Amino acid sequence: MARKTECYVDTSAWIAFLDRSDSYHSLFRKLFSDPPPLVTSALVVAEGHGWFLRRYDQHRAVQFLNFLDVVPGLTIRSFDSDELVKVSQMVKKYADQKLTLADAHGLTLMRERRTTTCWSTDRHLGLTGVRLAI
């Protein structure tokens, strides 16, 4: 059996999977039912936690963190001062785009890891499961 290609998961994909009211919920439910190896950013985790906290409550925000602890094959990349330098350069280079630090960190990780698939509903990162050339 062929090994599945690693996939980067953006905040919007985690939200779509975990929030049944999201219009992309059924799509991400299918994708997460048999996922490839997954990678995400610590900044995505922070964004997701904040989203569940603001949209719902502390309990749902903690449920999100607990869920990430049990996702098989998930790698969460840290964000430190070295990452900030790289990501800041990308944000400045593409200043005409509305890239958040989390978006730029994701794109940087995808480039470094040669990950060509991104699960996201954000147009600038690539719609749900589209292959990206970075």
N, C-alpha and C. Protein backbone atom coordinates (compact mmCIF):
# COMPACT_ATOMS: atom_id res chain seq x y z
N MET A 1 0.83 -1.17 0.00
CA MET A 1 0.00 0.00 0.00
C MET A 1 0.88 1.24 0.00
N ALA A 2 0.55 2.21 -0.83
CA ALA A 2 1.33 3.43 -0.93
C ALA A 2 1.11 4.30 0.31
N ARG A 3 2.18 4.96 0.73
CA ARG A 3 2.10 5.86 1.87
C ARG A 3 1.35 7.12 1.46
N LYS A 4 0.47 7.59 2.32
CA LYS A 4 -0.28 8.82 2.04
C LYS A 4 0.63 10.03 2.19
N THR A 5 0.41 11.02 1.36
CA THR A 5 1.19 12.24 1.38
C THR A 5 0.77 13.13 2.54
N GLU A 6 1.76 13.71 3.22
CA GLU A 6 1.50 14.61 4.34
C GLU A 6 0.63 15.78 3.91
N CYS A 7 -0.21 16.23 4.81
CA CYS A 7 -1.13 17.33 4.54
C CYS A 7 -1.01 18.38 5.64
N TYR A 8 -0.96 19.64 5.25
CA TYR A 8 -0.98 20.74 6.21
C TYR A 8 -2.43 21.08 6.52
N VAL A 9 -2.75 21.26 7.81
CA VAL A 9 -4.11 21.57 8.23
C VAL A 9 -4.16 22.98 8.81
N ASP A 10 -4.97 23.82 8.18
CA ASP A 10 -5.15 25.20 8.60
C ASP A 10 -6.29 25.28 9.63
N THR A 11 -6.37 26.40 10.31
CA THR A 11 -7.39 26.61 11.34
C THR A 11 -8.79 26.33 10.84
N SER A 12 -9.10 26.81 9.65
CA SER A 12 -10.46 26.67 9.13
C SER A 12 -10.86 25.21 8.94
N ALA A 13 -9.92 24.34 8.66
CA ALA A 13 -10.22 22.92 8.50
C ALA A 13 -10.54 22.28 9.85
N TRP A 14 -9.77 22.62 10.89
CA TRP A 14 -10.07 22.10 12.23
C TRP A 14 -11.47 22.55 12.66
N ILE A 15 -11.76 23.83 12.44
CA ILE A 15 -13.07 24.37 12.82
C ILE A 15 -14.17 23.67 12.05
N ALA A 16 -14.00 23.53 10.74
CA ALA A 16 -15.04 22.88 9.92
C ALA A 16 -15.29 21.46 10.38
N PHE A 17 -14.25 20.74 10.75
CA PHE A 17 -14.42 19.37 11.21
C PHE A 17 -15.13 19.30 12.56
N LEU A 18 -14.76 20.18 13.48
CA LEU A 18 -15.26 20.09 14.85
C LEU A 18 -16.57 20.83 15.10
N ASP A 19 -16.92 21.77 14.23
CA ASP A 19 -18.15 22.55 14.41
C ASP A 19 -19.20 22.04 13.41
N ARG A 20 -20.17 21.31 13.92
CA ARG A 20 -21.19 20.70 13.04
C ARG A 20 -22.01 21.73 12.26
N SER A 21 -22.02 22.98 12.71
CA SER A 21 -22.79 24.01 12.00
C SER A 21 -22.02 24.59 10.82
N ASP A 22 -20.75 24.24 10.67
CA ASP A 22 -19.92 24.77 9.58
C ASP A 22 -20.37 24.16 8.25
N SER A 23 -20.42 24.98 7.21
CA SER A 23 -20.89 24.51 5.90
C SER A 23 -19.96 23.47 5.28
N TYR A 24 -18.71 23.40 5.71
CA TYR A 24 -17.77 22.40 5.18
C TYR A 24 -17.63 21.18 6.10
N HIS A 25 -18.48 21.08 7.12
CA HIS A 25 -18.33 20.01 8.11
C HIS A 25 -18.34 18.61 7.48
N SER A 26 -19.29 18.33 6.61
CA SER A 26 -19.38 16.97 6.05
C SER A 26 -18.15 16.63 5.21
N LEU A 27 -17.61 17.59 4.48
CA LEU A 27 -16.41 17.35 3.69
C LEU A 27 -15.23 17.00 4.60
N PHE A 28 -15.01 17.80 5.63
CA PHE A 28 -13.88 17.54 6.51
C PHE A 28 -14.10 16.31 7.38
N ARG A 29 -15.32 15.98 7.66
CA ARG A 29 -15.60 14.73 8.37
C ARG A 29 -15.11 13.54 7.55
N LYS A 30 -15.34 13.60 6.25
CA LYS A 30 -14.84 12.54 5.35
C LYS A 30 -13.31 12.54 5.30
N LEU A 31 -12.72 13.72 5.14
CA LEU A 31 -11.26 13.80 5.05
C LEU A 31 -10.58 13.29 6.31
N PHE A 32 -11.12 13.65 7.47
CA PHE A 32 -10.51 13.24 8.74
C PHE A 32 -10.83 11.79 9.11
N SER A 33 -11.73 11.14 8.38
CA SER A 33 -12.07 9.75 8.72
C SER A 33 -10.92 8.79 8.41
N ASP A 34 -10.09 9.14 7.46
CA ASP A 34 -8.92 8.32 7.12
C ASP A 34 -7.79 9.26 6.68
N PRO A 35 -7.26 10.04 7.63
CA PRO A 35 -6.33 11.10 7.24
C PRO A 35 -4.93 10.58 6.93
N PRO A 36 -4.23 11.33 6.09
CA PRO A 36 -2.81 11.08 5.88
C PRO A 36 -2.06 11.63 7.09
N PRO A 37 -0.73 11.52 7.13
CA PRO A 37 0.01 12.22 8.18
C PRO A 37 -0.31 13.72 8.09
N LEU A 38 -0.55 14.33 9.24
CA LEU A 38 -0.96 15.73 9.29
C LEU A 38 0.07 16.58 9.99
N VAL A 39 0.21 17.82 9.52
CA VAL A 39 1.07 18.79 10.18
C VAL A 39 0.29 20.09 10.30
N THR A 40 0.49 20.77 11.41
CA THR A 40 -0.12 22.08 11.62
C THR A 40 0.85 22.93 12.42
N SER A 41 0.50 24.17 12.63
CA SER A 41 1.36 25.13 13.30
C SER A 41 0.83 25.42 14.71
N ALA A 42 1.75 25.74 15.61
CA ALA A 42 1.34 26.18 16.94
C ALA A 42 0.47 27.43 16.86
N LEU A 43 0.70 28.25 15.84
CA LEU A 43 -0.14 29.44 15.66
C LEU A 43 -1.55 29.06 15.24
N VAL A 44 -1.70 28.01 14.47
CA VAL A 44 -3.02 27.49 14.10
C VAL A 44 -3.73 26.99 15.35
N VAL A 45 -3.00 26.30 16.21
CA VAL A 45 -3.59 25.83 17.47
C VAL A 45 -4.08 27.02 18.29
N ALA A 46 -3.28 28.07 18.36
CA ALA A 46 -3.67 29.28 19.11
C ALA A 46 -4.91 29.92 18.48
N GLU A 47 -4.95 30.02 17.15
CA GLU A 47 -6.12 30.59 16.48
C GLU A 47 -7.37 29.75 16.74
N GLY A 48 -7.22 28.44 16.62
CA GLY A 48 -8.36 27.55 16.84
C GLY A 48 -8.88 27.64 18.27
N HIS A 49 -7.98 27.62 19.23
CA HIS A 49 -8.37 27.75 20.64
C HIS A 49 -9.13 29.05 20.85
N GLY A 50 -8.60 30.15 20.32
CA GLY A 50 -9.26 31.45 20.47
C GLY A 50 -10.62 31.48 19.80
N TRP A 51 -10.75 30.83 18.65
CA TRP A 51 -12.04 30.80 17.94
C TRP A 51 -13.09 30.08 18.78
N PHE A 52 -12.75 28.90 19.29
CA PHE A 52 -13.72 28.15 20.11
C PHE A 52 -14.03 28.88 21.41
N LEU A 53 -13.05 29.55 21.98
CA LEU A 53 -13.26 30.32 23.20
C LEU A 53 -14.24 31.47 22.96
N ARG A 54 -14.03 32.23 21.87
CA ARG A 54 -14.90 33.37 21.57
C ARG A 54 -16.27 32.93 21.07
N ARG A 55 -16.31 31.92 20.23
CA ARG A 55 -17.58 31.48 19.63
C ARG A 55 -18.43 30.71 20.63
N TYR A 56 -17.80 29.91 21.48
CA TYR A 56 -18.53 29.08 22.43
C TYR A 56 -18.13 29.42 23.86
N ASP A 57 -17.18 28.70 24.41
CA ASP A 57 -16.78 28.94 25.80
C ASP A 57 -15.46 28.22 26.09
N GLN A 58 -14.98 28.36 27.33
CA GLN A 58 -13.71 27.75 27.74
C GLN A 58 -13.76 26.23 27.58
N HIS A 59 -14.90 25.63 27.88
CA HIS A 59 -15.03 24.17 27.78
C HIS A 59 -14.76 23.69 26.35
N ARG A 60 -15.38 24.34 25.38
CA ARG A 60 -15.17 23.95 23.97
C ARG A 60 -13.74 24.22 23.53
N ALA A 61 -13.15 25.30 24.02
CA ALA A 61 -11.76 25.61 23.66
C ALA A 61 -10.82 24.53 24.18
N VAL A 62 -11.06 24.05 25.39
CA VAL A 62 -10.24 22.98 25.95
C VAL A 62 -10.52 21.66 25.23
N GLN A 63 -11.77 21.42 24.83
CA GLN A 63 -12.08 20.23 24.04
C GLN A 63 -11.27 20.21 22.75
N PHE A 64 -11.12 21.37 22.12
CA PHE A 64 -10.31 21.48 20.91
C PHE A 64 -8.88 21.03 21.19
N LEU A 65 -8.29 21.54 22.27
CA LEU A 65 -6.92 21.15 22.62
C LEU A 65 -6.83 19.66 22.92
N ASN A 66 -7.80 19.13 23.64
CA ASN A 66 -7.82 17.69 23.94
C ASN A 66 -7.93 16.86 22.67
N PHE A 67 -8.72 17.33 21.72
CA PHE A 67 -8.86 16.62 20.45
C PHE A 67 -7.51 16.54 19.73
N LEU A 68 -6.78 17.64 19.69
CA LEU A 68 -5.49 17.64 19.00
C LEU A 68 -4.52 16.65 19.64
N ASP A 69 -4.65 16.44 20.94
CA ASP A 69 -3.78 15.49 21.65
C ASP A 69 -3.96 14.06 21.16
N VAL A 70 -5.12 13.74 20.60
CA VAL A 70 -5.40 12.35 20.22
C VAL A 70 -5.47 12.12 18.71
N VAL A 71 -5.22 13.15 17.92
CA VAL A 71 -5.22 12.98 16.46
C VAL A 71 -4.00 12.15 16.07
N PRO A 72 -4.23 10.97 15.48
CA PRO A 72 -3.08 10.13 15.10
C PRO A 72 -2.27 10.77 13.97
N GLY A 73 -0.96 10.66 14.08
CA GLY A 73 -0.09 11.14 13.01
C GLY A 73 -0.01 12.64 12.88
N LEU A 74 -0.40 13.39 13.91
CA LEU A 74 -0.36 14.86 13.84
C LEU A 74 0.96 15.38 14.38
N THR A 75 1.60 16.25 13.59
CA THR A 75 2.79 16.97 14.02
C THR A 75 2.40 18.43 14.18
N ILE A 76 2.72 19.00 15.34
CA ILE A 76 2.47 20.43 15.58
C ILE A 76 3.83 21.11 15.66
N ARG A 77 4.09 22.00 14.69
CA ARG A 77 5.36 22.72 14.66
C ARG A 77 5.30 23.94 15.57
N SER A 78 6.35 24.11 16.34
CA SER A 78 6.42 25.24 17.27
C SER A 78 6.67 26.54 16.52
N PHE A 79 6.51 27.63 17.24
CA PHE A 79 6.74 28.96 16.69
C PHE A 79 7.63 29.71 17.67
N ASP A 80 8.87 29.93 17.26
CA ASP A 80 9.83 30.61 18.13
C ASP A 80 10.38 31.83 17.41
N SER A 81 11.41 32.43 17.97
CA SER A 81 11.96 33.66 17.39
C SER A 81 12.56 33.42 16.01
N ASP A 82 13.15 32.24 15.78
CA ASP A 82 13.68 31.93 14.44
C ASP A 82 12.55 31.84 13.42
N GLU A 83 11.45 31.20 13.83
CA GLU A 83 10.29 31.10 12.93
C GLU A 83 9.71 32.49 12.66
N LEU A 84 9.69 33.33 13.67
CA LEU A 84 9.16 34.68 13.51
C LEU A 84 9.93 35.45 12.45
N VAL A 85 11.24 35.30 12.42
CA VAL A 85 12.05 35.98 11.40
C VAL A 85 11.63 35.54 10.00
N LYS A 86 11.55 34.22 9.79
CA LYS A 86 11.17 33.69 8.47
C LYS A 86 9.76 34.12 8.07
N VAL A 87 8.85 34.02 9.01
CA VAL A 87 7.45 34.33 8.72
C VAL A 87 7.26 35.82 8.48
N SER A 88 7.94 36.64 9.26
CA SER A 88 7.86 38.09 9.06
C SER A 88 8.36 38.48 7.67
N GLN A 89 9.42 37.84 7.21
CA GLN A 89 9.93 38.10 5.86
C GLN A 89 8.86 37.78 4.82
N MET A 90 8.15 36.67 5.00
CA MET A 90 7.12 36.31 4.03
C MET A 90 5.96 37.30 4.05
N VAL A 91 5.53 37.71 5.25
CA VAL A 91 4.44 38.68 5.35
C VAL A 91 4.83 39.99 4.68
N LYS A 92 6.07 40.42 4.87
CA LYS A 92 6.54 41.66 4.26
C LYS A 92 6.68 41.51 2.75
N LYS A 93 7.15 40.36 2.30
CA LYS A 93 7.31 40.12 0.85
C LYS A 93 5.96 40.15 0.15
N TYR A 94 4.94 39.62 0.81
CA TYR A 94 3.60 39.57 0.21
C TYR A 94 2.67 40.54 0.92
N ALA A 95 3.14 41.75 1.13
CA ALA A 95 2.37 42.76 1.85
C ALA A 95 1.07 43.13 1.15
N ASP A 96 0.96 42.82 -0.14
CA ASP A 96 -0.27 43.10 -0.86
C ASP A 96 -1.35 42.05 -0.56
N GLN A 97 -1.00 40.99 0.16
CA GLN A 97 -1.93 39.93 0.55
C GLN A 97 -2.29 40.09 2.02
N LYS A 98 -3.45 39.58 2.40
CA LYS A 98 -3.86 39.63 3.81
C LYS A 98 -3.43 38.36 4.52
N LEU A 99 -2.12 38.17 4.62
CA LEU A 99 -1.58 37.00 5.31
C LEU A 99 -1.40 37.30 6.79
N THR A 100 -1.97 36.45 7.63
CA THR A 100 -1.69 36.54 9.05
C THR A 100 -0.37 35.83 9.31
N LEU A 101 0.17 36.00 10.51
CA LEU A 101 1.39 35.26 10.85
C LEU A 101 1.13 33.76 10.79
N ALA A 102 -0.06 33.33 11.21
CA ALA A 102 -0.39 31.89 11.15
C ALA A 102 -0.42 31.41 9.71
N ASP A 103 -1.01 32.19 8.81
CA ASP A 103 -1.04 31.82 7.39
C ASP A 103 0.38 31.69 6.84
N ALA A 104 1.19 32.70 7.12
CA ALA A 104 2.56 32.71 6.61
C ALA A 104 3.38 31.57 7.21
N HIS A 105 3.15 31.25 8.48
CA HIS A 105 3.86 30.14 9.10
C HIS A 105 3.47 28.83 8.41
N GLY A 106 2.19 28.68 8.12
CA GLY A 106 1.74 27.49 7.41
C GLY A 106 2.39 27.36 6.04
N LEU A 107 2.42 28.44 5.30
CA LEU A 107 3.05 28.42 3.98
C LEU A 107 4.54 28.13 4.07
N THR A 108 5.18 28.69 5.09
CA THR A 108 6.61 28.43 5.31
C THR A 108 6.85 26.96 5.62
N LEU A 109 6.02 26.41 6.49
CA LEU A 109 6.15 24.98 6.84
C LEU A 109 5.93 24.10 5.62
N MET A 110 4.94 24.45 4.82
CA MET A 110 4.66 23.65 3.63
C MET A 110 5.85 23.68 2.67
N ARG A 111 6.45 24.85 2.52
CA ARG A 111 7.61 24.95 1.64
C ARG A 111 8.77 24.11 2.18
N GLU A 112 9.07 24.28 3.47
CA GLU A 112 10.20 23.56 4.07
C GLU A 112 10.00 22.05 4.04
N ARG A 113 8.78 21.60 4.26
CA ARG A 113 8.49 20.17 4.35
C ARG A 113 8.10 19.57 2.98
N ARG A 114 8.03 20.46 1.98
CA ARG A 114 7.60 20.04 0.64
C ARG A 114 6.22 19.39 0.67
N THR A 115 5.37 19.97 1.49
CA THR A 115 3.99 19.53 1.61
C THR A 115 3.18 20.27 0.56
N THR A 116 2.50 19.54 -0.29
CA THR A 116 1.78 20.17 -1.40
C THR A 116 0.27 20.17 -1.22
N THR A 117 -0.22 19.58 -0.14
CA THR A 117 -1.65 19.55 0.09
C THR A 117 -1.98 20.30 1.38
N CYS A 118 -2.98 21.16 1.28
CA CYS A 118 -3.41 21.97 2.41
C CYS A 118 -4.91 21.82 2.58
N TRP A 119 -5.33 21.48 3.79
CA TRP A 119 -6.77 21.47 4.10
C TRP A 119 -7.10 22.81 4.70
N SER A 120 -7.93 23.56 4.00
CA SER A 120 -8.29 24.90 4.41
C SER A 120 -9.53 25.33 3.65
N THR A 121 -10.24 26.30 4.19
CA THR A 121 -11.32 26.93 3.44
C THR A 121 -10.95 28.36 3.09
N ASP A 122 -9.75 28.78 3.45
CA ASP A 122 -9.26 30.13 3.13
C ASP A 122 -8.75 30.15 1.70
N ARG A 123 -9.24 31.07 0.90
CA ARG A 123 -8.87 31.14 -0.51
C ARG A 123 -7.37 31.35 -0.73
N HIS A 124 -6.72 32.18 0.10
CA HIS A 124 -5.30 32.45 -0.14
C HIS A 124 -4.41 31.27 0.25
N LEU A 125 -4.93 30.31 0.99
CA LEU A 125 -4.13 29.12 1.31
C LEU A 125 -4.45 27.96 0.39
N GLY A 126 -5.54 28.02 -0.30
CA GLY A 126 -5.93 26.94 -1.20
C GLY A 126 -7.17 26.27 -0.66
N LEU A 127 -8.22 26.26 -1.43
CA LEU A 127 -9.47 25.67 -0.98
C LEU A 127 -9.32 24.20 -0.67
N THR A 128 -10.02 23.77 0.34
CA THR A 128 -10.13 22.40 0.83
C THR A 128 -9.46 21.32 0.00
N GLY A 129 -8.28 20.97 0.42
CA GLY A 129 -7.60 19.83 -0.17
C GLY A 129 -6.94 20.07 -1.52
N VAL A 130 -6.86 21.30 -1.94
CA VAL A 130 -6.24 21.61 -3.24
C VAL A 130 -4.73 21.55 -3.11
N ARG A 131 -4.05 21.05 -4.12
CA ARG A 131 -2.59 21.03 -4.13
C ARG A 131 -2.07 22.42 -4.44
N LEU A 132 -1.05 22.82 -3.73
CA LEU A 132 -0.47 24.15 -3.91
C LEU A 132 0.95 24.05 -4.44
N ALA A 133 1.32 25.00 -5.23
CA ALA A 133 2.72 25.13 -5.66
C ALA A 133 3.30 26.30 -4.90
N ILE A 134 4.26 26.04 -4.04
CA ILE A 134 4.84 27.11 -3.22
C ILE A 134 6.29 27.32 -3.63
